[in-house]
Amino acid sequence: IDDDGYQFLRVPFRAIDGQLDSNGCTVAIGRPFLLSHKYQQGIDD
């Protein structure tokens, strides 16, 4: 949604038939949610 603090809408899903890395995988959608990540400035200690 925005770069200021990294705001996202996340739409989760889970495999119900197969694995995510396989052809023909069927997934079920979960409840969407909003989240923020705040990253530190500079070098990661």
All heavy atoms as atom14 arrays in JSON, in Angstrom:
{
  "sequence": "IDDDGYQFLRVPFRAIDGQLDSNGCTVAIGRPFLLSHKYQQGIDD",
  "atom14_mask": [
    [1, 1, 1, 1, 1, 1, 1, 1, 0, 0, 0, 0, 0, 0],
    [1, 1, 1, 1, 1, 1, 1, 1, 0, 0, 0, 0, 0, 0],
    [1, 1, 1, 1, 1, 1, 1, 1, 0, 0, 0, 0, 0, 0],
    [1, 1, 1, 1, 1, 1, 1, 1, 0, 0, 0, 0, 0, 0],
    [1, 1, 1, 1, 0, 0, 0, 0, 0, 0, 0, 0, 0, 0],
    [1, 1, 1, 1, 1, 1, 1, 1, 1, 1, 1, 1, 0, 0],
    [1, 1, 1, 1, 1, 1, 1, 1, 1, 0, 0, 0, 0, 0],
    [1, 1, 1, 1, 1, 1, 1, 1, 1, 1, 1, 0, 0, 0],
    [1, 1, 1, 1, 1, 1, 1, 1, 0, 0, 0, 0, 0, 0],
    [1, 1, 1, 1, 1, 1, 1, 1, 1, 1, 1, 0, 0, 0],
    [1, 1, 1, 1, 1, 1, 1, 0, 0, 0, 0, 0, 0, 0],
    [1, 1, 1, 1, 1, 1, 1, 0, 0, 0, 0, 0, 0, 0],
    [1, 1, 1, 1, 1, 1, 1, 1, 1, 1, 1, 0, 0, 0],
    [1, 1, 1, 1, 1, 1, 1, 1, 1, 1, 1, 0, 0, 0],
    [1, 1, 1, 1, 1, 0, 0, 0, 0, 0, 0, 0, 0, 0],
    [1, 1, 1, 1, 1, 1, 1, 1, 0, 0, 0, 0, 0, 0],
    [1, 1, 1, 1, 1, 1, 1, 1, 0, 0, 0, 0, 0, 0],
    [1, 1, 1, 1, 0, 0, 0, 0, 0, 0, 0, 0, 0, 0],
    [1, 1, 1, 1, 1, 1, 1, 1, 1, 0, 0, 0, 0, 0],
    [1, 1, 1, 1, 1, 1, 1, 1, 0, 0, 0, 0, 0, 0],
    [1, 1, 1, 1, 1, 1, 1, 1, 0, 0, 0, 0, 0, 0],
    [1, 1, 1, 1, 1, 1, 0, 0, 0, 0, 0, 0, 0, 0],
    [1, 1, 1, 1, 1, 1, 1, 1, 0, 0, 0, 0, 0, 0],
    [1, 1, 1, 1, 0, 0, 0, 0, 0, 0, 0, 0, 0, 0],
    [1, 1, 1, 1, 1, 1, 0, 0, 0, 0, 0, 0, 0, 0],
    [1, 1, 1, 1, 1, 1, 1, 0, 0, 0, 0, 0, 0, 0],
    [1, 1, 1, 1, 1, 1, 1, 0, 0, 0, 0, 0, 0, 0],
    [1, 1, 1, 1, 1, 0, 0, 0, 0, 0, 0, 0, 0, 0],
    [1, 1, 1, 1, 1, 1, 1, 1, 0, 0, 0, 0, 0, 0],
    [1, 1, 1, 1, 0, 0, 0, 0, 0, 0, 0, 0, 0, 0],
    [1, 1, 1, 1, 1, 1, 1, 1, 1, 1, 1, 0, 0, 0],
    [1, 1, 1, 1, 1, 1, 1, 0, 0, 0, 0, 0, 0, 0],
    [1, 1, 1, 1, 1, 1, 1, 1, 1, 1, 1, 0, 0, 0],
    [1, 1, 1, 1, 1, 1, 1, 1, 0, 0, 0, 0, 0, 0],
    [1, 1, 1, 1, 1, 1, 1, 1, 0, 0, 0, 0, 0, 0],
    [1, 1, 1, 1, 1, 1, 0, 0, 0, 0, 0, 0, 0, 0],
    [1, 1, 1, 1, 1, 1, 1, 1, 1, 1, 0, 0, 0, 0],
    [1, 1, 1, 1, 1, 1, 1, 1, 1, 0, 0, 0, 0, 0],
    [1, 1, 1, 1, 1, 1, 1, 1, 1, 1, 1, 1, 0, 0],
    [1, 1, 1, 1, 1, 1, 1, 1, 1, 0, 0, 0, 0, 0],
    [1, 1, 1, 1, 1, 1, 1, 1, 1, 0, 0, 0, 0, 0],
    [1, 1, 1, 1, 0, 0, 0, 0, 0, 0, 0, 0, 0, 0],
    [1, 1, 1, 1, 1, 1, 1, 1, 0, 0, 0, 0, 0, 0],
    [1, 1, 1, 1, 1, 1, 1, 1, 0, 0, 0, 0, 0, 0],
    [1, 1, 1, 1, 1, 1, 1, 1, 0, 0, 0, 0, 0, 0]
  ],
  "atom14_positions": [
    [[0.83, -1.2, 0.0], [0.0, 0.0, 0.0], [0.86, 1.26, 0.0], [0.57, 2.22, -0.71], [-0.95, 0.0, 1.22], [-1.95, -1.15, 1.09], [-1.68, 1.34, 1.35], [-2.83, -1.36, 2.3], [0.0, 0.0, 0.0], [0.0, 0.0, 0.0], [0.0, 0.0, 0.0], [0.0, 0.0, 0.0], [0.0, 0.0, 0.0], [0.0, 0.0, 0.0]],
    [[1.94, 1.24, 0.79], [2.77, 2.44, 0.91], [4.17, 2.05, 1.37], [4.35, 1.08, 2.1], [2.14, 3.41, 1.91], [2.83, 4.76, 1.91], [2.7, 5.49, 0.92], [3.52, 5.07, 2.9], [0.0, 0.0, 0.0], [0.0, 0.0, 0.0], [0.0, 0.0, 0.0], [0.0, 0.0, 0.0], [0.0, 0.0, 0.0], [0.0, 0.0, 0.0]],
    [[5.15, 2.83, 0.94], [6.54, 2.59, 1.33], [6.88, 3.16, 2.7], [7.88, 2.77, 3.29], [7.5, 3.23, 0.31], [7.53, 2.46, -0.99], [7.39, 1.23, -0.94], [7.7, 3.09, -2.04], [0.0, 0.0, 0.0], [0.0, 0.0, 0.0], [0.0, 0.0, 0.0], [0.0, 0.0, 0.0], [0.0, 0.0, 0.0], [0.0, 0.0, 0.0]],
    [[6.09, 4.07, 3.2], [6.37, 4.7, 4.48], [6.07, 3.72, 5.61], [4.95, 3.63, 6.09], [5.53, 5.97, 4.63], [5.79, 6.69, 5.95], [6.92, 6.58, 6.48], [4.86, 7.34, 6.45], [0.0, 0.0, 0.0], [0.0, 0.0, 0.0], [0.0, 0.0, 0.0], [0.0, 0.0, 0.0], [0.0, 0.0, 0.0], [0.0, 0.0, 0.0]],
    [[7.07, 2.96, 6.03], [6.86, 1.96, 7.06], [6.45, 0.62, 6.49], [6.27, -0.33, 7.23], [0.0, 0.0, 0.0], [0.0, 0.0, 0.0], [0.0, 0.0, 0.0], [0.0, 0.0, 0.0], [0.0, 0.0, 0.0], [0.0, 0.0, 0.0], [0.0, 0.0, 0.0], [0.0, 0.0, 0.0], [0.0, 0.0, 0.0], [0.0, 0.0, 0.0]],
    [[6.29, 0.52, 5.19], [5.93, -0.72, 4.52], [4.58, -1.26, 4.97], [4.49, -2.21, 5.74], [7.02, -1.79, 4.72], [8.33, -1.41, 4.1], [9.32, -0.8, 4.86], [8.58, -1.67, 2.76], [10.53, -0.44, 4.29], [9.78, -1.31, 2.19], [10.76, -0.7, 2.96], [11.95, -0.34, 2.4], [0.0, 0.0, 0.0], [0.0, 0.0, 0.0]],
    [[3.52, -0.66, 4.48], [2.16, -1.11, 4.77], [1.69, -2.06, 3.66], [1.87, -1.77, 2.47], [1.18, 0.06, 4.87], [1.24, 0.79, 6.18], [2.45, 1.68, 6.33], [2.88, 2.3, 5.38], [3.0, 1.73, 7.52], [0.0, 0.0, 0.0], [0.0, 0.0, 0.0], [0.0, 0.0, 0.0], [0.0, 0.0, 0.0], [0.0, 0.0, 0.0]],
    [[1.08, -3.17, 4.06], [0.65, -4.19, 3.12], [-0.77, -4.66, 3.43], [-1.19, -4.68, 4.58], [1.54, -5.44, 3.22], [2.94, -5.24, 2.75], [3.91, -4.83, 3.64], [3.28, -5.48, 1.44], [5.22, -4.66, 3.23], [4.59, -5.32, 1.01], [5.55, -4.9, 1.91], [0.0, 0.0, 0.0], [0.0, 0.0, 0.0], [0.0, 0.0, 0.0]],
    [[-1.47, -5.09, 2.37], [-2.64, -5.93, 2.51], [-2.13, -7.33, 2.21], [-1.53, -7.57, 1.17], [-3.73, -5.56, 1.51], [-4.9, -6.56, 1.45], [-5.68, -6.57, 2.76], [-5.8, -6.27, 0.28], [0.0, 0.0, 0.0], [0.0, 0.0, 0.0], [0.0, 0.0, 0.0], [0.0, 0.0, 0.0], [0.0, 0.0, 0.0], [0.0, 0.0, 0.0]],
    [[-2.35, -8.24, 3.13], [-1.91, -9.63, 2.95], [-3.14, -10.52, 2.82], [-4.07, -10.44, 3.62], [-1.05, -10.09, 4.11], [-0.64, -11.56, 4.01], [0.55, -11.87, 4.86], [1.74, -11.28, 4.25], [2.92, -11.23, 4.84], [3.08, -11.71, 6.05], [3.95, -10.7, 4.21], [0.0, 0.0, 0.0], [0.0, 0.0, 0.0], [0.0, 0.0, 0.0]],
    [[-3.12, -11.36, 1.78], [-4.2, -12.31, 1.53], [-3.59, -13.71, 1.69], [-2.91, -14.21, 0.79], [-4.8, -12.14, 0.13], [-5.93, -13.13, -0.1], [-5.28, -10.7, -0.08], [0.0, 0.0, 0.0], [0.0, 0.0, 0.0], [0.0, 0.0, 0.0], [0.0, 0.0, 0.0], [0.0, 0.0, 0.0], [0.0, 0.0, 0.0], [0.0, 0.0, 0.0]],
    [[-3.81, -14.33, 2.84], [-3.22, -15.66, 3.08], [-3.97, -16.76, 2.33], [-5.15, -16.61, 2.01], [-3.34, -15.83, 4.59], [-4.52, -15.01, 4.97], [-4.56, -13.85, 4.0], [0.0, 0.0, 0.0], [0.0, 0.0, 0.0], [0.0, 0.0, 0.0], [0.0, 0.0, 0.0], [0.0, 0.0, 0.0], [0.0, 0.0, 0.0], [0.0, 0.0, 0.0]],
    [[-3.26, -17.83, 2.05], [-3.89, -19.01, 1.46], [-3.19, -20.25, 1.97], [-2.06, -20.19, 2.46], [-3.87, -18.95, -0.08], [-2.49, -18.8, -0.67], [-1.67, -19.9, -0.87], [-2.01, -17.55, -1.04], [-0.41, -19.76, -1.43], [-0.75, -17.39, -1.59], [0.05, -18.51, -1.79], [0.0, 0.0, 0.0], [0.0, 0.0, 0.0], [0.0, 0.0, 0.0]],
    [[-3.89, -21.37, 1.88], [-3.3, -22.65, 2.29], [-3.64, -23.7, 1.24], [-4.71, -23.65, 0.61], [-3.78, -23.07, 3.67], [-5.25, -23.32, 3.77], [-5.7, -23.8, 5.15], [-7.14, -23.82, 5.23], [-7.92, -24.74, 4.68], [-7.4, -25.75, 4.04], [-9.24, -24.66, 4.79], [0.0, 0.0, 0.0], [0.0, 0.0, 0.0], [0.0, 0.0, 0.0]],
    [[-2.71, -24.6, 1.04], [-2.92, -25.68, 0.08], [-3.98, -26.65, 0.62], [-3.94, -27.03, 1.78], [-1.62, -26.41, -0.17], [0.0, 0.0, 0.0], [0.0, 0.0, 0.0], [0.0, 0.0, 0.0], [0.0, 0.0, 0.0], [0.0, 0.0, 0.0], [0.0, 0.0, 0.0], [0.0, 0.0, 0.0], [0.0, 0.0, 0.0], [0.0, 0.0, 0.0]],
    [[-4.92, -27.01, -0.24], [-5.9, -28.02, 0.16], [-5.8, -29.24, -0.74], [-6.37, -30.28, -0.43], [-7.34, -27.46, 0.16], [-7.71, -26.9, -1.2], [-7.51, -26.42, 1.24], [-9.17, -26.57, -1.34], [0.0, 0.0, 0.0], [0.0, 0.0, 0.0], [0.0, 0.0, 0.0], [0.0, 0.0, 0.0], [0.0, 0.0, 0.0], [0.0, 0.0, 0.0]],
    [[-5.09, -29.11, -1.86], [-4.87, -30.24, -2.77], [-3.51, -30.04, -3.43], [-3.37, -29.16, -4.28], [-5.98, -30.31, -3.81], [-5.85, -31.51, -4.73], [-5.18, -32.49, -4.36], [-6.43, -31.46, -5.83], [0.0, 0.0, 0.0], [0.0, 0.0, 0.0], [0.0, 0.0, 0.0], [0.0, 0.0, 0.0], [0.0, 0.0, 0.0], [0.0, 0.0, 0.0]],
    [[-2.52, -30.78, -3.01], [-1.18, -30.65, -3.55], [-0.32, -29.73, -2.71], [-0.74, -29.26, -1.64], [0.0, 0.0, 0.0], [0.0, 0.0, 0.0], [0.0, 0.0, 0.0], [0.0, 0.0, 0.0], [0.0, 0.0, 0.0], [0.0, 0.0, 0.0], [0.0, 0.0, 0.0], [0.0, 0.0, 0.0], [0.0, 0.0, 0.0], [0.0, 0.0, 0.0]],
    [[0.9, -29.5, -3.19], [1.83, -28.58, -2.53], [2.0, -27.35, -3.4], [1.83, -27.41, -4.62], [3.18, -29.24, -2.29], [3.13, -30.38, -1.29], [4.5, -30.96, -1.02], [5.42, -30.84, -1.82], [4.64, -31.58, 0.14], [0.0, 0.0, 0.0], [0.0, 0.0, 0.0], [0.0, 0.0, 0.0], [0.0, 0.0, 0.0], [0.0, 0.0, 0.0]],
    [[2.35, -26.24, -2.78], [2.41, -24.97, -3.5], [3.39, -25.0, -4.67], [3.22, -24.26, -5.63], [2.78, -23.83, -2.55], [1.79, -23.55, -1.42], [2.22, -22.33, -0.64], [0.37, -23.38, -1.94], [0.0, 0.0, 0.0], [0.0, 0.0, 0.0], [0.0, 0.0, 0.0], [0.0, 0.0, 0.0], [0.0, 0.0, 0.0], [0.0, 0.0, 0.0]],
    [[4.41, -25.84, -4.6], [5.39, -25.88, -5.68], [5.05, -26.93, -6.75], [5.87, -27.19, -7.62], [6.79, -26.13, -5.11], [6.93, -27.48, -4.45], [5.89, -28.1, -4.12], [8.07, -27.93, -4.26], [0.0, 0.0, 0.0], [0.0, 0.0, 0.0], [0.0, 0.0, 0.0], [0.0, 0.0, 0.0], [0.0, 0.0, 0.0], [0.0, 0.0, 0.0]],
    [[3.85, -27.5, -6.7], [3.48, -28.51, -7.69], [2.39, -27.97, -8.62], [1.59, -27.12, -8.26], [2.99, -29.78, -6.99], [1.82, -29.53, -6.25], [0.0, 0.0, 0.0], [0.0, 0.0, 0.0], [0.0, 0.0, 0.0], [0.0, 0.0, 0.0], [0.0, 0.0, 0.0], [0.0, 0.0, 0.0], [0.0, 0.0, 0.0], [0.0, 0.0, 0.0]],
    [[2.37, -28.52, -9.83], [1.34, -28.13, -10.81], [-0.03, -28.56, -10.32], [-0.19, -29.62, -9.72], [1.62, -28.78, -12.16], [2.81, -28.18, -12.86], [3.16, -27.03, -12.61], [3.45, -28.96, -13.71], [0.0, 0.0, 0.0], [0.0, 0.0, 0.0], [0.0, 0.0, 0.0], [0.0, 0.0, 0.0], [0.0, 0.0, 0.0], [0.0, 0.0, 0.0]],
    [[-1.03, -27.73, -10.55], [-2.4, -28.06, -10.21], [-2.74, -27.94, -8.74], [-3.77, -28.45, -8.31], [0.0, 0.0, 0.0], [0.0, 0.0, 0.0], [0.0, 0.0, 0.0], [0.0, 0.0, 0.0], [0.0, 0.0, 0.0], [0.0, 0.0, 0.0], [0.0, 0.0, 0.0], [0.0, 0.0, 0.0], [0.0, 0.0, 0.0], [0.0, 0.0, 0.0]],
    [[-1.93, -27.24, -7.98], [-2.2, -27.06, -6.55], [-3.45, -26.2, -6.36], [-3.6, -25.14, -6.97], [-1.01, -26.4, -5.86], [-1.3, -26.06, -4.11], [0.0, 0.0, 0.0], [0.0, 0.0, 0.0], [0.0, 0.0, 0.0], [0.0, 0.0, 0.0], [0.0, 0.0, 0.0], [0.0, 0.0, 0.0], [0.0, 0.0, 0.0], [0.0, 0.0, 0.0]],
    [[-4.36, -26.68, -5.52], [-5.56, -25.92, -5.18], [-5.37, -25.31, -3.79], [-4.89, -25.99, -2.88], [-6.8, -26.83, -5.18], [-6.93, -27.43, -6.47], [-8.06, -26.04, -4.86], [0.0, 0.0, 0.0], [0.0, 0.0, 0.0], [0.0, 0.0, 0.0], [0.0, 0.0, 0.0], [0.0, 0.0, 0.0], [0.0, 0.0, 0.0], [0.0, 0.0, 0.0]],
    [[-5.74, -24.04, -3.66], [-5.59, -23.34, -2.38], [-6.92, -22.77, -1.93], [-7.82, -22.54, -2.73], [-4.55, -22.19, -2.48], [-3.16, -22.74, -2.82], [-4.97, -21.12, -3.47], [0.0, 0.0, 0.0], [0.0, 0.0, 0.0], [0.0, 0.0, 0.0], [0.0, 0.0, 0.0], [0.0, 0.0, 0.0], [0.0, 0.0, 0.0], [0.0, 0.0, 0.0]],
    [[-7.03, -22.58, -0.62], [-8.18, -21.91, -0.02], [-7.71, -20.57, 0.51], [-6.67, -20.47, 1.15], [-8.76, -22.75, 1.11], [0.0, 0.0, 0.0], [0.0, 0.0, 0.0], [0.0, 0.0, 0.0], [0.0, 0.0, 0.0], [0.0, 0.0, 0.0], [0.0, 0.0, 0.0], [0.0, 0.0, 0.0], [0.0, 0.0, 0.0], [0.0, 0.0, 0.0]],
    [[-8.47, -19.53, 0.24], [-8.12, -18.18, 0.68], [-8.53, -17.99, 2.14], [-9.62, -18.4, 2.55], [-8.79, -17.13, -0.21], [-8.2, -17.23, -1.62], [-8.61, -15.72, 0.35], [-8.8, -16.27, -2.61], [0.0, 0.0, 0.0], [0.0, 0.0, 0.0], [0.0, 0.0, 0.0], [0.0, 0.0, 0.0], [0.0, 0.0, 0.0], [0.0, 0.0, 0.0]],
    [[-7.65, -17.37, 2.91], [-7.94, -17.04, 4.3], [-8.44, -15.61, 4.43], [-8.71, -14.94, 3.44], [0.0, 0.0, 0.0], [0.0, 0.0, 0.0], [0.0, 0.0, 0.0], [0.0, 0.0, 0.0], [0.0, 0.0, 0.0], [0.0, 0.0, 0.0], [0.0, 0.0, 0.0], [0.0, 0.0, 0.0], [0.0, 0.0, 0.0], [0.0, 0.0, 0.0]],
    [[-8.54, -15.14, 5.66], [-9.02, -13.78, 5.92], [-7.91, -12.76, 5.62], [-6.83, -12.83, 6.2], [-9.46, -13.62, 7.36], [-9.94, -12.19, 7.67], [-10.64, -12.09, 8.96], [-11.96, -12.7, 8.79], [-12.9, -12.7, 9.72], [-12.68, -12.17, 10.9], [-14.06, -13.26, 9.5], [0.0, 0.0, 0.0], [0.0, 0.0, 0.0], [0.0, 0.0, 0.0]],
    [[-8.16, -11.8, 4.73], [-7.17, -10.75, 4.45], [-6.93, -9.89, 5.7], [-7.8, -9.75, 6.55], [-7.83, -9.91, 3.36], [-8.89, -10.78, 2.77], [-9.35, -11.66, 3.89], [0.0, 0.0, 0.0], [0.0, 0.0, 0.0], [0.0, 0.0, 0.0], [0.0, 0.0, 0.0], [0.0, 0.0, 0.0], [0.0, 0.0, 0.0], [0.0, 0.0, 0.0]],
    [[-5.72, -9.33, 5.77], [-5.41, -8.44, 6.88], [-4.37, -7.41, 6.46], [-3.63, -7.59, 5.5], [-4.96, -9.22, 8.13], [-3.75, -10.09, 7.94], [-2.48, -9.61, 8.22], [-3.89, -11.39, 7.5], [-1.36, -10.42, 8.06], [-2.78, -12.21, 7.34], [-1.51, -11.73, 7.63], [0.0, 0.0, 0.0], [0.0, 0.0, 0.0], [0.0, 0.0, 0.0]],
    [[-4.38, -6.31, 7.2], [-3.43, -5.22, 6.98], [-2.3, -5.37, 7.98], [-2.53, -5.69, 9.14], [-4.12, -3.87, 7.19], [-5.31, -3.59, 6.25], [-6.07, -2.37, 6.73], [-4.83, -3.41, 4.83], [0.0, 0.0, 0.0], [0.0, 0.0, 0.0], [0.0, 0.0, 0.0], [0.0, 0.0, 0.0], [0.0, 0.0, 0.0], [0.0, 0.0, 0.0]],
    [[-1.08, -5.13, 7.52], [0.06, -5.2, 8.43], [1.1, -4.18, 8.03], [1.16, -3.74, 6.89], [0.67, -6.59, 8.48], [1.52, -7.03, 7.3], [2.56, -8.03, 7.78], [0.66, -7.66, 6.23], [0.0, 0.0, 0.0], [0.0, 0.0, 0.0], [0.0, 0.0, 0.0], [0.0, 0.0, 0.0], [0.0, 0.0, 0.0], [0.0, 0.0, 0.0]],
    [[1.92, -3.81, 9.01], [3.03, -2.88, 8.81], [4.32, -3.56, 9.24], [4.34, -4.3, 10.21], [2.88, -1.62, 9.66], [1.9, -0.77, 9.15], [0.0, 0.0, 0.0], [0.0, 0.0, 0.0], [0.0, 0.0, 0.0], [0.0, 0.0, 0.0], [0.0, 0.0, 0.0], [0.0, 0.0, 0.0], [0.0, 0.0, 0.0], [0.0, 0.0, 0.0]],
    [[5.36, -3.28, 8.5], [6.72, -3.66, 8.91], [7.51, -2.38, 9.02], [7.47, -1.54, 8.13], [7.39, -4.56, 7.87], [6.87, -5.94, 7.81], [6.91, -6.8, 8.88], [6.3, -6.64, 6.8], [6.4, -7.97, 8.52], [6.01, -7.89, 7.28], [0.0, 0.0, 0.0], [0.0, 0.0, 0.0], [0.0, 0.0, 0.0], [0.0, 0.0, 0.0]],
    [[8.23, -2.22, 10.11], [9.13, -1.08, 10.26], [10.55, -1.62, 10.25], [10.9, -2.46, 11.07], [8.87, -0.32, 11.56], [7.62, 0.5, 11.52], [7.55, 1.44, 12.69], [6.29, 2.27, 12.59], [6.14, 3.17, 13.71], [0.0, 0.0, 0.0], [0.0, 0.0, 0.0], [0.0, 0.0, 0.0], [0.0, 0.0, 0.0], [0.0, 0.0, 0.0]],
    [[11.34, -1.14, 9.3], [12.72, -1.6, 9.18], [13.65, -0.56, 9.76], [13.4, 0.63, 9.69], [13.06, -1.86, 7.71], [12.37, -3.09, 7.19], [11.11, -2.99, 6.6], [12.93, -4.34, 7.33], [10.46, -4.12, 6.14], [12.28, -5.47, 6.89], [11.05, -5.35, 6.29], [10.4, -6.47, 5.86], [0.0, 0.0, 0.0], [0.0, 0.0, 0.0]],
    [[14.74, -1.06, 10.34], [15.72, -0.15, 10.91], [16.52, 0.52, 9.8], [16.7, -0.04, 8.73], [16.64, -0.87, 11.89], [17.46, -1.99, 11.29], [18.21, -2.75, 12.37], [18.19, -2.38, 13.53], [18.88, -3.8, 11.99], [0.0, 0.0, 0.0], [0.0, 0.0, 0.0], [0.0, 0.0, 0.0], [0.0, 0.0, 0.0], [0.0, 0.0, 0.0]],
    [[16.96, 1.71, 10.07], [17.77, 2.45, 9.13], [19.22, 2.03, 9.26], [19.68, 1.66, 10.33], [17.66, 3.97, 9.4], [16.26, 4.52, 9.22], [15.79, 4.46, 7.8], [16.55, 4.68, 6.87], [14.51, 4.16, 7.61], [0.0, 0.0, 0.0], [0.0, 0.0, 0.0], [0.0, 0.0, 0.0], [0.0, 0.0, 0.0], [0.0, 0.0, 0.0]],
    [[19.95, 2.06, 8.17], [21.38, 1.77, 8.23], [21.68, 0.29, 8.17], [20.91, -0.52, 7.66], [0.0, 0.0, 0.0], [0.0, 0.0, 0.0], [0.0, 0.0, 0.0], [0.0, 0.0, 0.0], [0.0, 0.0, 0.0], [0.0, 0.0, 0.0], [0.0, 0.0, 0.0], [0.0, 0.0, 0.0], [0.0, 0.0, 0.0], [0.0, 0.0, 0.0]],
    [[22.8, -0.08, 8.74], [23.29, -1.44, 8.67], [22.62, -2.29, 9.74], [22.46, -1.87, 10.88], [24.82, -1.47, 8.86], [25.47, -0.69, 7.72], [25.34, -2.89, 8.91], [26.96, -0.51, 7.88], [0.0, 0.0, 0.0], [0.0, 0.0, 0.0], [0.0, 0.0, 0.0], [0.0, 0.0, 0.0], [0.0, 0.0, 0.0], [0.0, 0.0, 0.0]],
    [[22.27, -3.5, 9.37], [21.64, -4.45, 10.3], [22.68, -4.93, 11.29], [23.7, -5.5, 10.91], [21.07, -5.62, 9.52], [20.26, -6.57, 10.38], [20.22, -6.38, 11.6], [19.65, -7.48, 9.81], [0.0, 0.0, 0.0], [0.0, 0.0, 0.0], [0.0, 0.0, 0.0], [0.0, 0.0, 0.0], [0.0, 0.0, 0.0], [0.0, 0.0, 0.0]],
    [[22.43, -4.7, 12.57], [23.39, -5.1, 13.58], [23.38, -6.61, 13.84], [24.22, -7.13, 14.55], [23.18, -4.34, 14.9], [21.75, -4.43, 15.41], [20.88, -4.89, 14.65], [21.52, -4.03, 16.56], [0.0, 0.0, 0.0], [0.0, 0.0, 0.0], [0.0, 0.0, 0.0], [0.0, 0.0, 0.0], [0.0, 0.0, 0.0], [0.0, 0.0, 0.0]]
  ]
}
